[in-house]
Amino acid sequence: MLGWRGHRFPEMFGEMSRMSRMFDRAHGIERSGCVFPPINVYDDGESFAVRAEIPGIDPDALEIQATSRALKIKGERKPTNGDTKVSYHRRERDHGYFNRSLNLPLPVDPDKIVASYKEGVLEIVLPKADDVRARRVQISN
């Protein structure tokens, strides 16, 4: 089947991408430049909250690492049953290893970080370090 403007380029790029992922997996390479999982980072003044959409992943298979200035989320989305025995008409939900890292704008307290997973959304709350939290200053007379 010919794709975009009568060329096979879309099919070739799809095959090249699949081959690249297979090569990476075979050699233990983790891609960190991907945009999976998509994340939002919020700042409520006291802490940062990171929400990552990771549907279909066992939360026990996730690895979260944090320092005072960085967060890393690693894991793998396994293929669903039958992925290797079917022909796809459209395939937008990928599987494989992922590795997302982000630098935090202010230091956090790694010992107070908590994570939860509900309905495919991973939420990580990273309380800011005490010395960078805003404090109200009283004016003396």
C-alpha atoms as a PDB file:
ATOM      1  CA  MET A   1       0.000   0.000   0.000  1.00  0.00           C
ATOM      2  CA  LEU A   2       1.347   3.388  -0.932  1.00  0.00           C
ATOM      3  CA  GLY A   3       1.216   6.037   1.773  1.00  0.00           C
ATOM      4  CA  TRP A   4       1.823   9.756   1.811  1.00  0.00           C
ATOM      5  CA  ARG A   5       1.663  11.189  -1.726  1.00  0.00           C
ATOM      6  CA  GLY A   6       2.114   7.773  -3.276  1.00  0.00           C
ATOM      7  CA  HIS A   7       5.333   6.967  -1.413  1.00  0.00           C
ATOM      8  CA  ARG A   8       6.181   4.259   1.053  1.00  0.00           C
ATOM      9  CA  PHE A   9       7.953   6.682   3.418  1.00  0.00           C
ATOM     10  CA  PRO A  10       5.486   6.384   6.324  1.00  0.00           C
ATOM     11  CA  GLU A  11       5.767   2.601   6.249  1.00  0.00           C
ATOM     12  CA  MET A  12       9.561   2.792   6.055  1.00  0.00           C
ATOM     13  CA  PHE A  13       9.784   5.183   9.002  1.00  0.00           C
ATOM     14  CA  GLY A  14       7.502   2.951  11.041  1.00  0.00           C
ATOM     15  CA  GLU A  15       9.666  -0.081  10.273  1.00  0.00           C
ATOM     16  CA  MET A  16      12.847   1.855  11.083  1.00  0.00           C
ATOM     17  CA  SER A  17      11.371   2.914  14.416  1.00  0.00           C
ATOM     18  CA  ARG A  18      10.385  -0.663  15.281  1.00  0.00           C
ATOM     19  CA  MET A  19      13.838  -1.942  14.308  1.00  0.00           C
ATOM     20  CA  SER A  20      15.492   0.756  16.415  1.00  0.00           C
ATOM     21  CA  ARG A  21      13.420  -0.240  19.473  1.00  0.00           C
ATOM     22  CA  MET A  22      14.278  -3.909  18.936  1.00  0.00           C
ATOM     23  CA  PHE A  23      17.979  -3.045  18.716  1.00  0.00           C
ATOM     24  CA  ASP A  24      17.758  -0.916  21.858  1.00  0.00           C
ATOM     25  CA  ARG A  25      16.000  -3.660  23.827  1.00  0.00           C
ATOM     26  CA  ALA A  26      18.498  -6.288  22.672  1.00  0.00           C
ATOM     27  CA  HIS A  27      21.389  -4.127  23.859  1.00  0.00           C
ATOM     28  CA  GLY A  28      19.828  -2.880  27.100  1.00  0.00           C
ATOM     29  CA  ILE A  29      19.614   0.700  25.874  1.00  0.00           C
ATOM     30  CA  GLU A  30      17.007   2.908  27.489  1.00  0.00           C
ATOM     31  CA  ARG A  31      15.774   5.952  25.629  1.00  0.00           C
ATOM     32  CA  SER A  32      15.535   9.031  27.794  1.00  0.00           C
ATOM     33  CA  GLY A  33      14.487  11.513  25.124  1.00  0.00           C
ATOM     34  CA  CYS A  34      11.002  10.122  24.666  1.00  0.00           C
ATOM     35  CA  VAL A  35       7.836  11.859  25.746  1.00  0.00           C
ATOM     36  CA  PHE A  36       6.272   8.808  27.368  1.00  0.00           C
ATOM     37  CA  PRO A  37       4.843   9.022  29.851  1.00  0.00           C
ATOM     38  CA  PRO A  38       3.371  12.476  29.371  1.00  0.00           C
ATOM     39  CA  ILE A  39       3.761  14.460  32.584  1.00  0.00           C
ATOM     40  CA  ASN A  40       2.497  17.638  34.212  1.00  0.00           C
ATOM     41  CA  VAL A  41       4.417  19.348  37.011  1.00  0.00           C
ATOM     42  CA  TYR A  42       2.578  21.590  39.480  1.00  0.00           C
ATOM     43  CA  ASP A  43       3.902  23.922  42.190  1.00  0.00           C
ATOM     44  CA  ASP A  44       1.601  24.710  45.119  1.00  0.00           C
ATOM     45  CA  GLY A  45       4.216  26.716  47.034  1.00  0.00           C
ATOM     46  CA  GLU A  46       4.980  23.936  49.518  1.00  0.00           C
ATOM     47  CA  SER A  47       5.737  21.105  47.086  1.00  0.00           C
ATOM     48  CA  PHE A  48       5.890  20.015  43.486  1.00  0.00           C
ATOM     49  CA  ALA A  49       3.382  17.469  42.211  1.00  0.00           C
ATOM     50  CA  VAL A  50       4.210  15.365  39.169  1.00  0.00           C
ATOM     51  CA  ARG A  51       1.372  13.560  37.396  1.00  0.00           C
ATOM     52  CA  ALA A  52       2.285  10.983  34.774  1.00  0.00           C
ATOM     53  CA  GLU A  53      -0.248   9.190  32.596  1.00  0.00           C
ATOM     54  CA  ILE A  54       0.843   5.553  32.549  1.00  0.00           C
ATOM     55  CA  PRO A  55      -2.192   3.387  31.776  1.00  0.00           C
ATOM     56  CA  GLY A  56      -1.815  -0.348  31.571  1.00  0.00           C
ATOM     57  CA  ILE A  57       1.328  -0.606  33.667  1.00  0.00           C
ATOM     58  CA  ASP A  58       1.719  -2.597  36.859  1.00  0.00           C
ATOM     59  CA  PRO A  59       2.760  -0.012  39.484  1.00  0.00           C
ATOM     60  CA  ASP A  60       5.068  -2.612  41.062  1.00  0.00           C
ATOM     61  CA  ALA A  61       7.057  -2.599  37.804  1.00  0.00           C
ATOM     62  CA  LEU A  62       7.756   1.152  38.045  1.00  0.00           C
ATOM     63  CA  GLU A  63      10.997   2.512  39.433  1.00  0.00           C
ATOM     64  CA  ILE A  64      11.080   6.033  40.830  1.00  0.00           C
ATOM     65  CA  GLN A  65      14.359   7.641  41.823  1.00  0.00           C
ATOM     66  CA  ALA A  66      14.751  11.106  43.285  1.00  0.00           C
ATOM     67  CA  THR A  67      17.479  13.414  44.458  1.00  0.00           C
ATOM     68  CA  SER A  68      17.062  16.896  45.851  1.00  0.00           C
ATOM     69  CA  ARG A  69      17.057  18.364  42.310  1.00  0.00           C
ATOM     70  CA  ALA A  70      15.952  15.569  39.943  1.00  0.00           C
ATOM     71  CA  LEU A  71      13.294  12.904  39.405  1.00  0.00           C
ATOM     72  CA  LYS A  72      13.494   9.780  37.254  1.00  0.00           C
ATOM     73  CA  ILE A  73      10.612   7.458  36.327  1.00  0.00           C
ATOM     74  CA  LYS A  74      11.502   4.150  34.680  1.00  0.00           C
ATOM     75  CA  GLY A  75       9.426   1.182  33.648  1.00  0.00           C
ATOM     76  CA  GLU A  76       8.142  -0.995  30.878  1.00  0.00           C
ATOM     77  CA  ARG A  77       4.799  -1.262  29.170  1.00  0.00           C
ATOM     78  CA  LYS A  78       4.374  -4.911  28.216  1.00  0.00           C
ATOM     79  CA  PRO A  79       2.652  -5.811  24.951  1.00  0.00           C
ATOM     80  CA  THR A  80      -0.928  -6.955  25.294  1.00  0.00           C
ATOM     81  CA  ASN A  81      -1.861 -10.563  24.530  1.00  0.00           C
ATOM     82  CA  GLY A  82      -1.695 -11.319  20.848  1.00  0.00           C
ATOM     83  CA  ASP A  83       0.487  -8.347  19.893  1.00  0.00           C
ATOM     84  CA  THR A  84       2.904 -10.611  18.036  1.00  0.00           C
ATOM     85  CA  LYS A  85       0.219 -12.591  16.177  1.00  0.00           C
ATOM     86  CA  VAL A  86      -1.946  -9.849  14.727  1.00  0.00           C
ATOM     87  CA  SER A  87      -1.761  -7.370  11.919  1.00  0.00           C
ATOM     88  CA  TYR A  88      -2.551  -3.816  12.957  1.00  0.00           C
ATOM     89  CA  HIS A  89      -4.709  -1.401  11.057  1.00  0.00           C
ATOM     90  CA  ARG A  90      -3.625   1.403  13.406  1.00  0.00           C
ATOM     91  CA  ARG A  91      -1.186   1.227  16.293  1.00  0.00           C
ATOM     92  CA  GLU A  92      -0.809   4.351  18.419  1.00  0.00           C
ATOM     93  CA  ARG A  93      -0.256   2.794  21.829  1.00  0.00           C
ATOM     94  CA  ASP A  94       3.287   1.545  21.981  1.00  0.00           C
ATOM     95  CA  HIS A  95       5.015  -0.809  24.367  1.00  0.00           C
ATOM     96  CA  GLY A  96       8.555  -1.165  25.626  1.00  0.00           C
ATOM     97  CA  TYR A  97      10.916   0.454  28.094  1.00  0.00           C
ATOM     98  CA  PHE A  98      10.716   4.101  29.058  1.00  0.00           C
ATOM     99  CA  ASN A  99      12.854   6.403  31.135  1.00  0.00           C
ATOM    100  CA  ARG A 100      11.732   9.973  31.935  1.00  0.00           C
ATOM    101  CA  SER A 101      13.981  12.347  33.823  1.00  0.00           C
ATOM    102  CA  LEU A 102      13.344  15.898  34.852  1.00  0.00           C
ATOM    103  CA  ASN A 103      15.294  18.509  36.724  1.00  0.00           C
ATOM    104  CA  LEU A 104      13.451  20.347  39.465  1.00  0.00           C
ATOM    105  CA  PRO A 105      13.629  24.150  39.655  1.00  0.00           C
ATOM    106  CA  LEU A 106      14.182  24.109  43.440  1.00  0.00           C
ATOM    107  CA  PRO A 107      15.563  21.514  45.876  1.00  0.00           C
ATOM    108  CA  VAL A 108      13.118  19.046  47.433  1.00  0.00           C
ATOM    109  CA  ASP A 109      13.375  16.796  50.484  1.00  0.00           C
ATOM    110  CA  PRO A 110      13.901  13.286  49.027  1.00  0.00           C
ATOM    111  CA  ASP A 111      12.991  11.635  52.344  1.00  0.00           C
ATOM    112  CA  LYS A 112       9.461  13.078  52.262  1.00  0.00           C
ATOM    113  CA  ILE A 113       8.526  12.181  48.681  1.00  0.00           C
ATOM    114  CA  VAL A 114       5.374  10.063  48.302  1.00  0.00           C
ATOM    115  CA  ALA A 115       3.927   8.378  45.228  1.00  0.00           C
ATOM    116  CA  SER A 116       0.511   6.927  44.439  1.00  0.00           C
ATOM    117  CA  TYR A 117      -1.012   5.243  41.398  1.00  0.00           C
ATOM    118  CA  LYS A 118      -4.714   5.322  40.595  1.00  0.00           C
ATOM    119  CA  GLU A 119      -6.643   4.707  37.375  1.00  0.00           C
ATOM    120  CA  GLY A 120      -3.519   4.843  35.218  1.00  0.00           C
ATOM    121  CA  VAL A 121      -2.149   8.069  36.699  1.00  0.00           C
ATOM    122  CA  LEU A 122       1.038   8.117  38.753  1.00  0.00           C
ATOM    123  CA  GLU A 123       1.212  11.056  41.173  1.00  0.00           C
ATOM    124  CA  ILE A 124       4.429  11.968  42.954  1.00  0.00           C
ATOM    125  CA  VAL A 125       4.459  14.699  45.608  1.00  0.00           C
ATOM    126  CA  LEU A 126       7.878  16.216  46.213  1.00  0.00           C
ATOM    127  CA  PRO A 127       7.899  18.570  49.241  1.00  0.00           C
ATOM    128  CA  LYS A 128      10.287  21.487  48.816  1.00  0.00           C
ATOM    129  CA  ALA A 129      13.337  21.588  51.047  1.00  0.00           C
ATOM    130  CA  ASP A 130      12.710  23.665  54.190  1.00  0.00           C
ATOM    131  CA  ASP A 131      15.315  26.279  53.285  1.00  0.00           C
ATOM    132  CA  VAL A 132      13.622  27.162  49.947  1.00  0.00           C
ATOM    133  CA  ARG A 133       9.997  27.397  51.066  1.00  0.00           C
ATOM    134  CA  ALA A 134       8.526  30.856  51.103  1.00  0.00           C
ATOM    135  CA  ARG A 135       7.832  32.232  54.535  1.00  0.00           C
ATOM    136  CA  ARG A 136       5.781  35.202  55.600  1.00  0.00           C
ATOM    137  CA  VAL A 137       7.941  37.904  57.117  1.00  0.00           C
ATOM    138  CA  GLN A 138       6.472  39.958  59.955  1.00  0.00           C
ATOM    139  CA  ILE A 139       7.092  43.682  59.952  1.00  0.00           C
ATOM    140  CA  SER A 140       8.213  45.004  63.303  1.00  0.00           C
ATOM    141  CA  ASN A 141       7.364  48.511  64.531  1.00  0.00           C
END
